[in-house]
Amino acid sequence: MPGERLSMRKIREVLRLRLGQGLPQRAVGQSLGLSQGAVNNYVARARCAGLSWPLPEGLDDAQLEKLPYPPPPVMAAEPRPVPEWATVHRELRRPNVTLGLLWEEYRAGSGSQNGFGYSWFCELYREWVGHLKPSLRQAHTAGERVFGARGSARSVR
């Protein structure tokens, strides 16, 4: 789980020491109480955002935070086609039919960009199967067996 982000003052100090002064990551980390990985992460994000030292004039903390940490991209609102799980369940009973085969048929029918990936497909199927009501149907021919008080069956013949 990611830790809390540093204050903008401390990030500015990391950039000043590393990019402006040219100090090694270890020295910057020791002086600010950070790990080398944290220093490397902040410097790499700043370089990807096109920042160098000295920072541009008039760049306040809010703008500085948005450059290396852009907001997450907006996900497409188009829902993915969901297969008919009862059909998938029924097809799995047939010989030589696997979830992989059914997933390939699903992807071919839904278009390669819209459908679920294999692992997600399997996870959704297992979740659907978990909601099924387990029952055991037993077909008995009348008079063929007699059930005792303890539930054991004896043949009448």
C-alpha atoms as a PDB file:
ATOM      1  CA  MET A   1       0.000   0.000   0.000  1.00  0.00           C
ATOM      2  CA  PRO A   2       1.485   3.362  -0.919  1.00  0.00           C
ATOM      3  CA  GLY A   3       2.513   5.676   1.863  1.00  0.00           C
ATOM      4  CA  GLU A   4       1.496   9.267   2.304  1.00  0.00           C
ATOM      5  CA  ARG A   5       2.863  11.794  -0.139  1.00  0.00           C
ATOM      6  CA  LEU A   6       5.446  14.257   1.086  1.00  0.00           C
ATOM      7  CA  SER A   7       4.616  17.886   1.582  1.00  0.00           C
ATOM      8  CA  MET A   8       5.302  20.121  -1.397  1.00  0.00           C
ATOM      9  CA  ARG A   9       8.017  21.889   0.619  1.00  0.00           C
ATOM     10  CA  LYS A  10       9.887  18.625   1.012  1.00  0.00           C
ATOM     11  CA  ILE A  11       9.402  17.691  -2.648  1.00  0.00           C
ATOM     12  CA  ARG A  12      10.795  21.084  -3.654  1.00  0.00           C
ATOM     13  CA  GLU A  13      13.771  20.399  -1.383  1.00  0.00           C
ATOM     14  CA  VAL A  14      14.342  16.981  -3.004  1.00  0.00           C
ATOM     15  CA  LEU A  15      14.314  18.584  -6.453  1.00  0.00           C
ATOM     16  CA  ARG A  16      16.609  21.414  -5.352  1.00  0.00           C
ATOM     17  CA  LEU A  17      19.175  19.095  -3.790  1.00  0.00           C
ATOM     18  CA  ARG A  18      19.124  16.465  -6.534  1.00  0.00           C
ATOM     19  CA  LEU A  19      18.589  18.527  -9.685  1.00  0.00           C
ATOM     20  CA  GLY A  20      19.957  21.897  -8.611  1.00  0.00           C
ATOM     21  CA  GLN A  21      22.896  20.886  -6.419  1.00  0.00           C
ATOM     22  CA  GLY A  22      23.583  17.537  -8.108  1.00  0.00           C
ATOM     23  CA  LEU A  23      23.827  15.627  -4.846  1.00  0.00           C
ATOM     24  CA  PRO A  24      23.573  11.829  -5.002  1.00  0.00           C
ATOM     25  CA  GLN A  25      20.273  10.212  -4.081  1.00  0.00           C
ATOM     26  CA  ARG A  26      21.762   8.700  -0.953  1.00  0.00           C
ATOM     27  CA  ALA A  27      22.889  12.107   0.352  1.00  0.00           C
ATOM     28  CA  VAL A  28      19.519  13.691  -0.458  1.00  0.00           C
ATOM     29  CA  GLY A  29      17.701  10.830   1.250  1.00  0.00           C
ATOM     30  CA  GLN A  30      19.864  11.024   4.371  1.00  0.00           C
ATOM     31  CA  SER A  31      19.505  14.785   4.704  1.00  0.00           C
ATOM     32  CA  LEU A  32      15.705  14.672   4.363  1.00  0.00           C
ATOM     33  CA  GLY A  33      15.071  11.356   6.120  1.00  0.00           C
ATOM     34  CA  LEU A  34      13.876   9.573   2.969  1.00  0.00           C
ATOM     35  CA  SER A  35      14.817   6.339   1.276  1.00  0.00           C
ATOM     36  CA  GLN A  36      16.763   6.323  -1.975  1.00  0.00           C
ATOM     37  CA  GLY A  37      13.717   4.848  -3.688  1.00  0.00           C
ATOM     38  CA  ALA A  38      11.522   7.735  -2.567  1.00  0.00           C
ATOM     39  CA  VAL A  39      14.065  10.280  -3.798  1.00  0.00           C
ATOM     40  CA  ASN A  40      14.356   8.436  -7.105  1.00  0.00           C
ATOM     41  CA  ASN A  41      10.558   8.297  -7.446  1.00  0.00           C
ATOM     42  CA  TYR A  42      10.090  12.051  -6.942  1.00  0.00           C
ATOM     43  CA  VAL A  43      12.953  12.956  -9.265  1.00  0.00           C
ATOM     44  CA  ALA A  44      11.752  10.545 -11.971  1.00  0.00           C
ATOM     45  CA  ARG A  45       8.204  11.916 -11.761  1.00  0.00           C
ATOM     46  CA  ALA A  46       9.518  15.465 -12.025  1.00  0.00           C
ATOM     47  CA  ARG A  47      11.614  14.577 -15.089  1.00  0.00           C
ATOM     48  CA  CYS A  48       8.645  12.855 -16.757  1.00  0.00           C
ATOM     49  CA  ALA A  49       6.599  16.002 -16.149  1.00  0.00           C
ATOM     50  CA  GLY A  50       9.338  18.076 -17.805  1.00  0.00           C
ATOM     51  CA  LEU A  51      10.438  19.836 -14.629  1.00  0.00           C
ATOM     52  CA  SER A  52      13.996  20.919 -13.970  1.00  0.00           C
ATOM     53  CA  TRP A  53      15.703  23.123 -11.412  1.00  0.00           C
ATOM     54  CA  PRO A  54      15.069  26.002 -10.963  1.00  0.00           C
ATOM     55  CA  LEU A  55      11.341  25.511 -11.096  1.00  0.00           C
ATOM     56  CA  PRO A  56       9.397  27.926 -13.317  1.00  0.00           C
ATOM     57  CA  GLU A  57       8.432  31.257 -11.759  1.00  0.00           C
ATOM     58  CA  GLY A  58       4.920  31.481 -10.352  1.00  0.00           C
ATOM     59  CA  LEU A  59       4.556  27.693  -9.902  1.00  0.00           C
ATOM     60  CA  ASP A  60       2.580  27.312  -6.694  1.00  0.00           C
ATOM     61  CA  ASP A  61       2.184  24.112  -4.667  1.00  0.00           C
ATOM     62  CA  ALA A  62      -1.146  23.110  -6.251  1.00  0.00           C
ATOM     63  CA  GLN A  63       0.266  23.376  -9.767  1.00  0.00           C
ATOM     64  CA  LEU A  64       3.453  21.590  -8.735  1.00  0.00           C
ATOM     65  CA  GLU A  65       1.436  18.694  -7.325  1.00  0.00           C
ATOM     66  CA  LYS A  66      -0.598  18.304 -10.540  1.00  0.00           C
ATOM     67  CA  LEU A  67       2.480  18.028 -12.773  1.00  0.00           C
ATOM     68  CA  PRO A  68       4.117  14.863 -11.372  1.00  0.00           C
ATOM     69  CA  TYR A  69       0.804  13.493 -10.073  1.00  0.00           C
ATOM     70  CA  PRO A  70      -1.794  13.992 -12.815  1.00  0.00           C
ATOM     71  CA  PRO A  71      -5.377  12.983 -12.037  1.00  0.00           C
ATOM     72  CA  PRO A  72      -6.275   9.414 -13.058  1.00  0.00           C
ATOM     73  CA  PRO A  73      -7.708   9.046 -16.561  1.00  0.00           C
ATOM     74  CA  VAL A  74     -11.448   8.894 -16.906  1.00  0.00           C
ATOM     75  CA  MET A  75     -12.587   5.360 -17.637  1.00  0.00           C
ATOM     76  CA  ALA A  76     -14.896   4.677 -20.539  1.00  0.00           C
ATOM     77  CA  ALA A  77     -18.528   4.571 -19.483  1.00  0.00           C
ATOM     78  CA  GLU A  78     -19.343   1.895 -22.053  1.00  0.00           C
ATOM     79  CA  PRO A  79     -20.201  -1.307 -20.154  1.00  0.00           C
ATOM     80  CA  ARG A  80     -18.633  -4.587 -21.166  1.00  0.00           C
ATOM     81  CA  PRO A  81     -20.918  -7.281 -22.518  1.00  0.00           C
ATOM     82  CA  VAL A  82     -21.646  -9.849 -19.824  1.00  0.00           C
ATOM     83  CA  PRO A  83     -22.044 -13.441 -20.987  1.00  0.00           C
ATOM     84  CA  GLU A  84     -25.094 -15.500 -20.123  1.00  0.00           C
ATOM     85  CA  TRP A  85     -23.651 -17.425 -17.182  1.00  0.00           C
ATOM     86  CA  ALA A  86     -26.362 -20.101 -17.212  1.00  0.00           C
ATOM     87  CA  THR A  87     -25.373 -20.965 -20.794  1.00  0.00           C
ATOM     88  CA  VAL A  88     -21.690 -21.044 -19.835  1.00  0.00           C
ATOM     89  CA  HIS A  89     -22.517 -23.331 -16.904  1.00  0.00           C
ATOM     90  CA  ARG A  90     -24.576 -25.658 -19.123  1.00  0.00           C
ATOM     91  CA  GLU A  91     -21.860 -25.764 -21.810  1.00  0.00           C
ATOM     92  CA  LEU A  92     -19.207 -26.723 -19.255  1.00  0.00           C
ATOM     93  CA  ARG A  93     -21.038 -30.006 -18.640  1.00  0.00           C
ATOM     94  CA  ARG A  94     -20.317 -31.121 -22.202  1.00  0.00           C
ATOM     95  CA  PRO A  95     -17.184 -33.207 -22.788  1.00  0.00           C
ATOM     96  CA  ASN A  96     -13.974 -31.391 -23.815  1.00  0.00           C
ATOM     97  CA  VAL A  97     -15.460 -27.948 -23.107  1.00  0.00           C
ATOM     98  CA  THR A  98     -13.330 -25.713 -20.880  1.00  0.00           C
ATOM     99  CA  LEU A  99     -13.608 -22.194 -19.543  1.00  0.00           C
ATOM    100  CA  GLY A 100     -10.748 -21.253 -21.863  1.00  0.00           C
ATOM    101  CA  LEU A 101     -12.688 -22.416 -24.909  1.00  0.00           C
ATOM    102  CA  LEU A 102     -15.842 -20.629 -23.774  1.00  0.00           C
ATOM    103  CA  TRP A 103     -13.840 -17.475 -23.078  1.00  0.00           C
ATOM    104  CA  GLU A 104     -12.379 -17.545 -26.597  1.00  0.00           C
ATOM    105  CA  GLU A 105     -15.885 -17.844 -28.040  1.00  0.00           C
ATOM    106  CA  TYR A 106     -17.039 -14.974 -25.822  1.00  0.00           C
ATOM    107  CA  ARG A 107     -14.143 -12.742 -26.947  1.00  0.00           C
ATOM    108  CA  ALA A 108     -14.773 -13.546 -30.592  1.00  0.00           C
ATOM    109  CA  GLY A 109     -18.439 -12.626 -30.210  1.00  0.00           C
ATOM    110  CA  SER A 110     -17.997  -9.472 -28.117  1.00  0.00           C
ATOM    111  CA  GLY A 111     -15.100  -7.845 -29.953  1.00  0.00           C
ATOM    112  CA  SER A 112     -11.527  -7.922 -28.701  1.00  0.00           C
ATOM    113  CA  GLN A 113     -11.564  -4.500 -27.034  1.00  0.00           C
ATOM    114  CA  ASN A 114     -14.831  -4.711 -25.130  1.00  0.00           C
ATOM    115  CA  GLY A 115     -14.781  -8.168 -23.549  1.00  0.00           C
ATOM    116  CA  PHE A 116     -13.405  -9.304 -20.213  1.00  0.00           C
ATOM    117  CA  GLY A 117      -9.939 -10.811 -19.959  1.00  0.00           C
ATOM    118  CA  TYR A 118      -9.617 -14.519 -19.200  1.00  0.00           C
ATOM    119  CA  SER A 119      -8.841 -14.198 -15.492  1.00  0.00           C
ATOM    120  CA  TRP A 120     -11.683 -11.735 -14.933  1.00  0.00           C
ATOM    121  CA  PHE A 121     -14.034 -13.966 -16.952  1.00  0.00           C
ATOM    122  CA  CYS A 122     -13.141 -16.949 -14.733  1.00  0.00           C
ATOM    123  CA  GLU A 123     -13.497 -14.894 -11.557  1.00  0.00           C
ATOM    124  CA  LEU A 124     -16.954 -13.623 -12.563  1.00  0.00           C
ATOM    125  CA  TYR A 125     -18.037 -17.144 -13.476  1.00  0.00           C
ATOM    126  CA  ARG A 126     -16.870 -18.522 -10.110  1.00  0.00           C
ATOM    127  CA  GLU A 127     -18.719 -15.713  -8.361  1.00  0.00           C
ATOM    128  CA  TRP A 128     -21.879 -16.558 -10.301  1.00  0.00           C
ATOM    129  CA  VAL A 129     -21.514 -20.268  -9.465  1.00  0.00           C
ATOM    130  CA  GLY A 130     -21.165 -19.337  -5.783  1.00  0.00           C
ATOM    131  CA  HIS A 131     -24.675 -17.858  -5.853  1.00  0.00           C
ATOM    132  CA  LEU A 132     -26.248 -21.070  -7.143  1.00  0.00           C
ATOM    133  CA  LYS A 133     -28.346 -23.010  -4.706  1.00  0.00           C
ATOM    134  CA  PRO A 134     -26.707 -26.400  -4.269  1.00  0.00           C
ATOM    135  CA  SER A 135     -29.164 -29.250  -4.449  1.00  0.00           C
ATOM    136  CA  LEU A 136     -28.863 -32.937  -5.093  1.00  0.00           C
ATOM    137  CA  ARG A 137     -31.665 -34.432  -7.107  1.00  0.00           C
ATOM    138  CA  GLN A 138     -32.242 -38.118  -6.514  1.00  0.00           C
ATOM    139  CA  ALA A 139     -34.538 -40.021  -8.824  1.00  0.00           C
ATOM    140  CA  HIS A 140     -36.200 -42.966  -7.090  1.00  0.00           C
ATOM    141  CA  THR A 141     -38.332 -45.568  -8.739  1.00  0.00           C
ATOM    142  CA  ALA A 142     -41.332 -46.332  -6.564  1.00  0.00           C
ATOM    143  CA  GLY A 143     -40.949 -49.519  -4.571  1.00  0.00           C
ATOM    144  CA  GLU A 144     -37.366 -50.179  -5.701  1.00  0.00           C
ATOM    145  CA  ARG A 145     -35.781 -49.332  -2.348  1.00  0.00           C
ATOM    146  CA  VAL A 146     -36.989 -48.956   1.218  1.00  0.00           C
ATOM    147  CA  PHE A 147     -35.422 -46.273   3.378  1.00  0.00           C
ATOM    148  CA  GLY A 148     -34.881 -47.091   7.026  1.00  0.00           C
ATOM    149  CA  ALA A 149     -35.109 -44.781  10.019  1.00  0.00           C
ATOM    150  CA  ARG A 150     -31.431 -43.841   9.726  1.00  0.00           C
ATOM    151  CA  GLY A 151     -31.662 -42.882   6.067  1.00  0.00           C
ATOM    152  CA  SER A 152     -29.906 -45.966   4.695  1.00  0.00           C
ATOM    153  CA  ALA A 153     -31.388 -47.638   1.662  1.00  0.00           C
ATOM    154  CA  ARG A 154     -32.059 -51.367   1.329  1.00  0.00           C
ATOM    155  CA  SER A 155     -32.909 -53.097  -1.842  1.00  0.00           C
ATOM    156  CA  VAL A 156     -36.332 -54.768  -1.794  1.00  0.00           C
ATOM    157  CA  ARG A 157     -35.377 -57.581  -4.158  1.00  0.00           C
END
